[in-house]
Amino acid sequence: MQRIKLKILMLLLLVIVGSQFAVANEIAAMWTRLYERARTLDQKQQIMMNIVEQHSRDVIPVLTDALDEEVRTFRNTANVTEAGRKIELMKMVVEELGRLKAREAVPVVWETVQIVEDPILRAEAIMALGSMGAREYAEDMAMMLRNINFNYDDIQNQRKNEIIAYALVTALGRLGEEVGYEPVFFASQGWYSGQRQVKQKAEEVLQQIVDDPSDQLLRILRTNDDFQLKLAALQAAEKSDAPEIAKAEVAAAAIDEGLTYSPKNKSESRELKTIRMNALEMLEKYPQPKNERLIENLISMLQMYRSDRVFDEDEVITLLEALGTFTGEEIARPLSDMLGYYNQRREVAPPDSYRIVRALIQALGNVGHSTGIEELTLVTISDYWENSIQREAQASINKIQAAN
């Protein structure tokens, strides 16, 4: 008996729901018929407002046909007032097609982007394409954004371009296609004003497009001479969801770039230092398998400081901390040689930086190779070194012995 009652209840619910759908479908059909009978732009706008309020997928065909008709006849509209009202009508339709994710309307919405010049309507159409998942147009949209990024125009066109750029960034983020990553990255560093939030939106969207953008960022890092772009590429890699090994590869490339260029002024010197410091901190955070070019660069930095004091104290300490994440004699040997240099100089004068000496001793302990024991032992038995330095050396010796 209980089962019979349950079945009756379910049937009643199906009847109620079915009748509601039937009513909704009939309402949508009614407005569709009314729109087809409309003769003036006023009538079309009023009816379209009611159609849009249905938020029903049943009206997608009439929305698509209405947009197609307005786009095809738009170029023949001579009256400015009428053109403006057509644009408002198309804007209403495009926004609703995007909300409904109407894939079948993609071609006519893309045609709207190409034909109509009004920046707000074009922007709405572009964002609608993103909502529709129109990946077939991702490359075209990426090219559009690339052109705007490098087309710093007069002030009036700048405003229009910013509206379009924001929409392109948003749409490319929704589409999540790899082709969109580079133009969105350059938008995050571009000429745009703060008013339209293009740069801020681009930085946010970068995290959505691809999980591992390291290949694109390596290309940006290596092919652009602008130091700020190099730094931005490095920082984008750090913020991304790329694997740690990929982040370390970008950091290694940044070290190479940071040593390749000779600064022309103090500003460039600071920029290059910032690139190297960020890269060193990433290398310390994301250890990687041995990279011969990277190791050569790190050892070269150590030697450049020892011979010419090229780098400041903070950078050398960060360098030593990064070197401490590696293992093997090829790292331990130059560190041990540098400590030997400090041991010799300590006999006649205090070191240029006790902080560097401590970092050097700790790095030898972290590398854990027996090559470092001789110079560390000399520190512990020398009359010239302070007790705190000697204790640090003994701790590193203990660490090396425990590792071997």
Protein backbone atom coordinates (compact mmCIF):
# COMPACT_ATOMS: atom_id res chain seq x y z
CA MET A 1 0.00 0.00 0.00
CA GLN A 2 2.82 2.36 0.92
CA ARG A 3 4.54 1.71 -2.42
CA ILE A 4 1.33 2.50 -4.34
CA LYS A 5 0.97 5.83 -2.52
CA LEU A 6 4.61 6.68 -3.31
CA LYS A 7 4.12 5.89 -7.01
CA ILE A 8 0.97 8.06 -7.13
CA LEU A 9 2.85 10.93 -5.46
CA MET A 10 5.71 10.67 -7.98
CA LEU A 11 3.26 10.67 -10.88
CA LEU A 12 1.56 13.78 -9.51
CA LEU A 13 4.93 15.52 -9.22
CA LEU A 14 5.80 14.59 -12.80
CA VAL A 15 2.47 15.94 -14.00
CA ILE A 16 3.00 19.22 -12.12
CA VAL A 17 6.59 19.65 -13.33
CA GLY A 18 5.61 18.67 -16.87
CA SER A 19 2.79 21.17 -16.88
CA GLN A 20 5.15 23.88 -15.64
CA PHE A 21 7.59 23.10 -18.46
CA ALA A 22 4.74 23.12 -20.95
CA VAL A 23 3.61 26.53 -19.73
CA ALA A 24 7.17 27.88 -19.86
CA ASN A 25 7.67 26.50 -23.35
CA GLU A 26 4.39 28.01 -24.53
CA ILE A 27 5.34 31.42 -23.09
CA ALA A 28 8.71 31.25 -24.87
CA ALA A 29 6.97 30.22 -28.09
CA MET A 30 4.49 33.07 -27.75
CA TRP A 31 7.22 35.73 -27.41
CA THR A 32 9.10 34.14 -30.29
CA ARG A 33 6.03 34.48 -32.52
CA LEU A 34 5.50 38.06 -31.38
CA TYR A 35 9.10 38.98 -32.18
CA GLU A 36 8.77 37.51 -35.65
CA ARG A 37 5.70 39.68 -36.23
CA ALA A 38 7.36 42.89 -34.96
CA ARG A 39 7.83 45.55 -37.61
CA THR A 40 9.46 48.48 -35.80
CA LEU A 41 12.62 48.72 -33.75
CA ASP A 42 10.55 49.86 -30.75
CA GLN A 43 8.43 46.74 -30.93
CA LYS A 44 11.49 44.52 -31.28
CA GLN A 45 13.16 46.05 -28.22
CA GLN A 46 10.07 45.71 -26.05
CA ILE A 47 9.46 42.11 -27.11
CA MET A 48 13.13 41.20 -26.80
CA MET A 49 13.16 42.47 -23.21
CA ASN A 50 10.39 39.99 -22.42
CA ILE A 51 12.14 37.17 -24.31
CA VAL A 52 15.37 37.73 -22.41
CA GLU A 53 13.52 37.66 -19.09
CA GLN A 54 12.51 34.04 -19.82
CA HIS A 55 16.13 32.87 -19.45
CA SER A 56 15.05 29.83 -21.47
CA ARG A 57 17.13 27.80 -23.86
CA ASP A 58 14.00 27.41 -25.95
CA VAL A 59 14.44 30.99 -27.15
CA ILE A 60 18.02 30.49 -28.39
CA PRO A 61 16.91 30.12 -32.05
CA VAL A 62 14.98 33.41 -32.01
CA LEU A 63 17.84 35.18 -30.19
CA THR A 64 20.31 33.86 -32.76
CA ASP A 65 18.13 34.80 -35.72
CA ALA A 66 17.46 38.27 -34.26
CA LEU A 67 21.17 38.92 -33.80
CA ASP A 68 21.95 37.61 -37.27
CA GLU A 69 19.36 39.93 -38.82
CA GLU A 70 20.63 43.02 -36.96
CA VAL A 71 24.29 42.28 -37.78
CA ARG A 72 23.51 41.77 -41.50
CA THR A 73 21.55 45.02 -41.76
CA PHE A 74 23.69 47.11 -39.42
CA ARG A 75 26.05 48.52 -42.07
CA ASN A 76 23.07 49.87 -44.00
CA THR A 77 21.83 51.86 -41.01
CA ALA A 78 22.46 55.50 -41.84
CA ASN A 79 20.57 57.11 -38.96
CA VAL A 80 22.81 57.53 -35.90
CA THR A 81 19.91 57.27 -33.44
CA GLU A 82 18.64 54.09 -35.09
CA ALA A 83 22.16 52.63 -35.09
CA GLY A 84 22.41 53.30 -31.36
CA ARG A 85 19.13 51.54 -30.68
CA LYS A 86 20.17 48.58 -32.83
CA ILE A 87 23.35 48.34 -30.79
CA GLU A 88 21.33 48.30 -27.54
CA LEU A 89 19.15 45.53 -28.97
CA MET A 90 22.16 43.46 -30.07
CA LYS A 91 23.83 44.00 -26.71
CA MET A 92 20.76 42.61 -24.94
CA VAL A 93 20.71 39.56 -27.22
CA VAL A 94 24.44 38.86 -27.02
CA GLU A 95 24.47 39.07 -23.23
CA GLU A 96 21.61 36.56 -22.98
CA LEU A 97 23.22 34.17 -25.49
CA GLY A 98 26.36 34.23 -23.39
CA ARG A 99 24.40 33.60 -20.20
CA LEU A 100 22.69 30.63 -21.86
CA LYS A 101 26.09 29.37 -23.16
CA ALA A 102 24.47 29.02 -26.58
CA ARG A 103 27.12 27.16 -28.58
CA GLU A 104 24.92 27.18 -31.68
CA ALA A 105 25.11 30.99 -31.74
CA VAL A 106 28.91 31.17 -31.76
CA PRO A 107 29.34 32.01 -35.49
CA VAL A 108 26.92 34.95 -35.45
CA VAL A 109 28.34 36.30 -32.18
CA TRP A 110 31.84 36.18 -33.68
CA GLU A 111 30.48 37.98 -36.76
CA THR A 112 29.21 40.68 -34.39
CA VAL A 113 32.76 41.15 -33.08
CA GLN A 114 34.07 41.55 -36.61
CA ILE A 115 31.40 43.83 -38.07
CA VAL A 116 30.17 46.16 -35.32
CA GLU A 117 32.60 48.85 -34.16
CA ASP A 118 30.89 49.83 -30.91
CA PRO A 119 33.45 48.84 -28.22
CA ILE A 120 30.92 47.93 -25.53
CA LEU A 121 28.91 45.65 -27.84
CA ARG A 122 32.12 44.06 -29.14
CA ALA A 123 33.27 43.51 -25.56
CA GLU A 124 29.96 41.88 -24.62
CA ALA A 125 30.19 39.62 -27.67
CA ILE A 126 33.77 38.62 -26.85
CA MET A 127 32.88 37.75 -23.25
CA ALA A 128 29.85 35.83 -24.49
CA LEU A 129 32.15 33.77 -26.72
CA GLY A 130 34.23 32.97 -23.65
CA SER A 131 31.13 31.82 -21.78
CA MET A 132 30.08 29.72 -24.80
CA GLY A 133 33.43 27.92 -24.85
CA ALA A 134 34.22 29.13 -28.38
CA ARG A 135 37.72 27.62 -28.43
CA GLU A 136 37.75 27.69 -32.23
CA TYR A 137 38.22 31.46 -31.98
CA ALA A 138 40.81 31.44 -29.17
CA GLU A 139 43.69 32.02 -31.58
CA ASP A 140 41.88 34.93 -33.24
CA MET A 141 41.14 36.51 -29.88
CA ALA A 142 44.74 35.99 -28.77
CA MET A 143 45.91 37.82 -31.91
CA MET A 144 43.46 40.66 -31.24
CA LEU A 145 44.80 41.09 -27.70
CA ARG A 146 48.40 40.88 -28.92
CA ASN A 147 47.75 43.71 -31.37
CA ILE A 148 46.11 45.91 -28.71
CA ASN A 149 48.94 45.23 -26.25
CA PHE A 150 51.48 46.75 -28.63
CA ASN A 151 49.25 49.42 -30.19
CA TYR A 152 49.51 52.45 -27.92
CA ASP A 153 47.05 54.72 -29.75
CA ASP A 154 45.58 58.21 -29.24
CA ILE A 155 43.64 58.78 -26.02
CA GLN A 156 40.18 58.18 -27.52
CA ASN A 157 41.20 54.87 -29.08
CA GLN A 158 43.03 53.90 -25.92
CA ARG A 159 39.75 53.98 -24.01
CA LYS A 160 38.02 51.85 -26.63
CA ASN A 161 40.96 49.46 -26.77
CA GLU A 162 40.97 49.04 -23.00
CA ILE A 163 37.32 47.99 -23.07
CA ILE A 164 38.06 45.39 -25.74
CA ALA A 165 41.28 44.25 -24.04
CA TYR A 166 39.48 43.62 -20.74
CA ALA A 167 36.89 41.51 -22.56
CA LEU A 168 39.57 39.55 -24.43
CA VAL A 169 41.49 38.85 -21.23
CA THR A 170 38.27 37.65 -19.57
CA ALA A 171 37.27 35.46 -22.51
CA LEU A 172 40.73 33.91 -22.92
CA GLY A 173 40.71 33.10 -19.22
CA ARG A 174 37.38 31.32 -19.60
CA LEU A 175 38.54 29.39 -22.66
CA GLY A 176 41.74 28.21 -20.97
CA GLU A 177 43.61 27.69 -24.23
CA GLU A 178 47.42 27.77 -24.17
CA VAL A 179 47.52 30.19 -27.12
CA GLY A 180 46.03 32.86 -24.86
CA TYR A 181 48.75 32.78 -22.21
CA GLU A 182 51.39 35.04 -23.77
CA PRO A 183 49.06 37.87 -24.85
CA VAL A 184 47.39 37.81 -21.43
CA PHE A 185 50.84 37.93 -19.79
CA PHE A 186 51.81 40.97 -21.88
CA ALA A 187 48.45 42.56 -21.04
CA SER A 188 49.37 42.23 -17.35
CA GLN A 189 52.51 44.28 -18.11
CA GLY A 190 51.06 46.55 -20.80
CA TRP A 191 50.27 50.25 -21.27
CA TYR A 192 46.79 50.06 -19.80
CA SER A 193 45.54 52.56 -17.24
CA GLY A 194 44.33 51.55 -13.80
CA GLN A 195 40.80 52.75 -14.55
CA ARG A 196 39.77 49.77 -16.69
CA GLN A 197 41.55 47.15 -14.53
CA VAL A 198 42.97 45.36 -17.60
CA LYS A 199 46.35 44.65 -16.01
CA GLN A 200 44.83 43.48 -12.75
CA LYS A 201 42.38 41.20 -14.55
CA ALA A 202 45.17 39.78 -16.73
CA GLU A 203 47.29 38.94 -13.69
CA GLU A 204 44.32 37.15 -12.11
CA VAL A 205 43.48 35.27 -15.33
CA LEU A 206 47.05 34.02 -15.84
CA GLN A 207 46.45 31.45 -13.10
CA GLN A 208 43.42 30.06 -14.98
CA ILE A 209 44.75 29.52 -18.50
CA VAL A 210 47.35 26.76 -18.09
CA ASP A 211 48.71 24.94 -15.06
CA ASP A 212 52.27 24.84 -16.34
CA PRO A 213 53.19 27.95 -18.36
CA SER A 214 56.95 27.41 -17.94
CA ASP A 215 57.64 26.96 -21.68
CA GLN A 216 55.94 30.27 -22.52
CA LEU A 217 57.65 32.04 -19.62
CA LEU A 218 61.06 30.70 -20.59
CA ARG A 219 60.50 32.07 -24.09
CA ILE A 220 59.47 35.47 -22.71
CA LEU A 221 62.42 35.51 -20.33
CA ARG A 222 64.96 34.72 -23.05
CA THR A 223 63.62 36.74 -25.97
CA ASN A 224 62.84 40.10 -24.34
CA ASP A 225 65.51 42.65 -23.46
CA ASP A 226 63.25 44.49 -21.02
CA PHE A 227 64.42 43.62 -17.49
CA GLN A 228 61.00 44.30 -16.00
CA LEU A 229 59.45 41.74 -18.36
CA LYS A 230 62.10 39.20 -17.41
CA LEU A 231 61.32 39.74 -13.74
CA ALA A 232 57.57 39.54 -14.39
CA ALA A 233 58.04 36.21 -16.22
CA LEU A 234 60.04 34.84 -13.30
CA GLN A 235 57.41 35.97 -10.79
CA ALA A 236 54.61 34.53 -12.93
CA ALA A 237 56.39 31.16 -12.87
CA GLU A 238 56.60 31.33 -9.08
CA LYS A 239 52.84 32.06 -8.78
CA SER A 240 51.83 29.37 -11.28
CA ASP A 241 50.84 25.76 -10.61
CA ALA A 242 53.84 24.49 -12.59
CA PRO A 243 55.79 21.57 -11.08
CA GLU A 244 58.68 22.56 -8.82
CA ILE A 245 61.20 21.26 -11.36
CA ALA A 246 59.73 23.58 -14.01
CA LYS A 247 59.87 26.57 -11.66
CA ALA A 248 63.51 25.78 -10.93
CA GLU A 249 64.26 25.65 -14.67
CA VAL A 250 62.78 29.13 -15.12
CA ALA A 251 64.84 30.34 -12.14
CA ALA A 252 68.00 28.84 -13.65
CA ALA A 253 67.30 30.69 -16.93
CA ALA A 254 66.76 33.91 -14.97
CA ILE A 255 70.18 33.54 -13.31
CA ASP A 256 71.70 33.16 -16.77
CA GLU A 257 69.89 36.28 -18.00
CA GLY A 258 70.84 38.20 -14.86
CA LEU A 259 74.52 37.53 -15.50
CA THR A 260 74.48 38.00 -19.29
CA TYR A 261 73.61 41.71 -19.32
CA SER A 262 75.85 44.55 -18.18
CA PRO A 263 73.86 47.36 -16.53
CA LYS A 264 74.10 50.79 -18.14
CA ASN A 265 73.00 52.69 -15.03
CA LYS A 266 72.01 52.26 -11.40
CA SER A 267 68.41 51.54 -12.29
CA GLU A 268 69.37 48.62 -14.54
CA SER A 269 71.80 47.40 -11.90
CA ARG A 270 68.98 47.24 -9.35
CA GLU A 271 66.68 45.48 -11.82
CA LEU A 272 69.26 42.81 -12.63
CA LYS A 273 69.96 42.30 -8.94
CA THR A 274 66.23 41.83 -8.29
CA ILE A 275 66.05 39.21 -11.05
CA ARG A 276 69.02 37.32 -9.60
CA MET A 277 67.76 37.56 -6.02
CA ASN A 278 64.30 36.27 -6.94
CA ALA A 279 65.82 33.44 -8.96
CA LEU A 280 68.20 32.45 -6.15
CA GLU A 281 65.36 32.39 -3.64
CA MET A 282 63.38 30.13 -5.98
CA LEU A 283 66.35 27.80 -6.41
CA GLU A 284 66.66 27.53 -2.65
CA LYS A 285 62.94 26.79 -2.42
CA TYR A 286 62.74 24.40 -5.40
CA PRO A 287 65.87 22.21 -5.56
CA GLN A 288 66.41 20.54 -8.92
CA PRO A 289 68.63 17.88 -10.51
CA LYS A 290 72.06 19.21 -11.40
CA ASN A 291 72.13 21.64 -14.28
CA GLU A 292 75.69 22.19 -15.52
CA ARG A 293 75.03 25.69 -16.87
CA LEU A 294 73.35 26.72 -13.62
CA ILE A 295 76.16 25.36 -11.47
CA GLU A 296 78.71 27.18 -13.63
CA ASN A 297 76.77 30.42 -13.17
CA LEU A 298 76.46 30.04 -9.39
CA ILE A 299 80.15 29.25 -8.96
CA SER A 300 81.01 32.14 -11.28
CA MET A 301 78.98 34.47 -9.02
CA LEU A 302 80.95 33.22 -6.03
CA GLN A 303 84.24 33.89 -7.79
CA MET A 304 83.11 37.30 -9.04
CA TYR A 305 82.36 38.35 -5.49
CA ARG A 306 85.63 37.02 -4.16
CA SER A 307 87.71 38.80 -6.82
CA ASP A 308 85.79 42.03 -7.50
CA ARG A 309 83.04 42.36 -4.87
CA VAL A 310 80.52 42.52 -7.72
CA PHE A 311 77.54 41.63 -5.54
CA ASP A 312 76.38 43.03 -2.22
CA GLU A 313 76.15 41.17 1.09
CA ASP A 314 72.48 40.18 0.80
CA GLU A 315 72.94 38.74 -2.68
CA VAL A 316 76.00 36.73 -1.69
CA ILE A 317 74.23 35.29 1.34
CA THR A 318 71.24 34.33 -0.82
CA LEU A 319 73.68 32.76 -3.30
CA LEU A 320 75.30 30.71 -0.54
CA GLU A 321 71.90 29.56 0.73
CA ALA A 322 71.01 28.40 -2.79
CA LEU A 323 74.34 26.60 -3.19
CA GLY A 324 73.63 24.82 0.10
CA THR A 325 70.71 23.00 -1.52
CA PHE A 326 73.09 21.14 -3.90
CA THR A 327 75.36 18.18 -3.14
CA GLY A 328 78.67 16.90 -4.43
CA GLU A 329 82.30 17.91 -4.66
CA GLU A 330 81.82 20.32 -7.56
CA ILE A 331 79.83 22.56 -5.19
CA ALA A 332 81.80 21.82 -2.01
CA ARG A 333 85.18 22.61 -3.64
CA PRO A 334 84.59 26.30 -4.52
CA LEU A 335 82.88 26.84 -1.16
CA SER A 336 85.86 25.29 0.63
CA ASP A 337 88.27 27.42 -1.44
CA MET A 338 86.37 30.55 -0.45
CA LEU A 339 86.50 29.59 3.23
CA GLY A 340 90.26 29.00 2.78
CA TYR A 341 90.50 32.56 1.42
CA TYR A 342 88.77 33.87 4.56
CA ASN A 343 90.99 31.72 6.80
CA GLN A 344 94.11 33.29 5.26
CA ARG A 345 92.79 36.84 5.46
CA ARG A 346 91.59 36.42 9.06
CA GLU A 347 95.18 36.23 10.21
CA VAL A 348 95.70 39.87 9.28
CA ALA A 349 92.22 41.47 9.36
CA PRO A 350 88.57 40.83 10.20
CA PRO A 351 86.41 39.53 7.33
CA ASP A 352 84.43 41.99 5.21
CA SER A 353 81.24 40.34 6.50
CA TYR A 354 80.74 37.92 9.37
CA ARG A 355 77.28 37.19 7.96
CA ILE A 356 78.83 35.92 4.73
CA VAL A 357 81.32 33.75 6.65
CA ARG A 358 78.51 32.18 8.66
CA ALA A 359 76.44 31.57 5.53
CA LEU A 360 79.50 30.05 3.83
CA ILE A 361 80.12 27.67 6.75
CA GLN A 362 76.45 26.67 6.85
CA ALA A 363 76.43 26.06 3.09
CA LEU A 364 79.37 23.67 3.41
CA GLY A 365 77.52 21.78 6.13
CA ASN A 366 74.37 21.59 4.02
CA VAL A 367 76.24 20.36 0.92
CA GLY A 368 77.56 17.60 3.16
CA HIS A 369 80.72 16.67 1.23
CA SER A 370 83.93 15.76 3.03
CA THR A 371 85.89 18.24 0.89
CA GLY A 372 84.78 21.00 3.25
CA ILE A 373 86.07 19.40 6.47
CA GLU A 374 89.69 20.63 6.23
CA GLU A 375 88.94 24.35 6.07
CA LEU A 376 86.12 24.01 8.60
CA THR A 377 88.51 22.27 11.01
CA LEU A 378 91.01 25.10 10.57
CA VAL A 379 88.32 27.53 11.68
CA THR A 380 87.65 25.50 14.85
CA ILE A 381 91.31 25.41 15.92
CA SER A 382 92.32 28.91 14.83
CA ASP A 383 93.07 31.62 17.39
CA TYR A 384 91.78 34.26 14.99
CA TRP A 385 88.11 33.28 14.75
CA GLU A 386 85.46 34.23 17.30
CA ASN A 387 83.82 31.49 19.38
CA SER A 388 80.44 31.84 17.61
CA ILE A 389 82.10 31.25 14.22
CA GLN A 390 84.01 28.26 15.57
CA ARG A 391 80.81 26.73 16.96
CA GLU A 392 79.14 27.21 13.56
CA ALA A 393 82.09 25.43 11.86
CA GLN A 394 81.92 22.51 14.32
CA ALA A 395 78.18 22.14 13.68
CA SER A 396 78.87 21.92 9.93
CA ILE A 397 81.63 19.34 10.48
CA ASN A 398 79.18 17.24 12.52
CA LYS A 399 76.59 17.52 9.75
CA ILE A 400 79.09 16.42 7.07
CA GLN A 401 80.29 13.47 9.14
CA ALA A 402 76.71 12.38 9.77
CA ALA A 403 76.03 12.45 6.01
CA ASN A 404 79.08 10.32 5.10
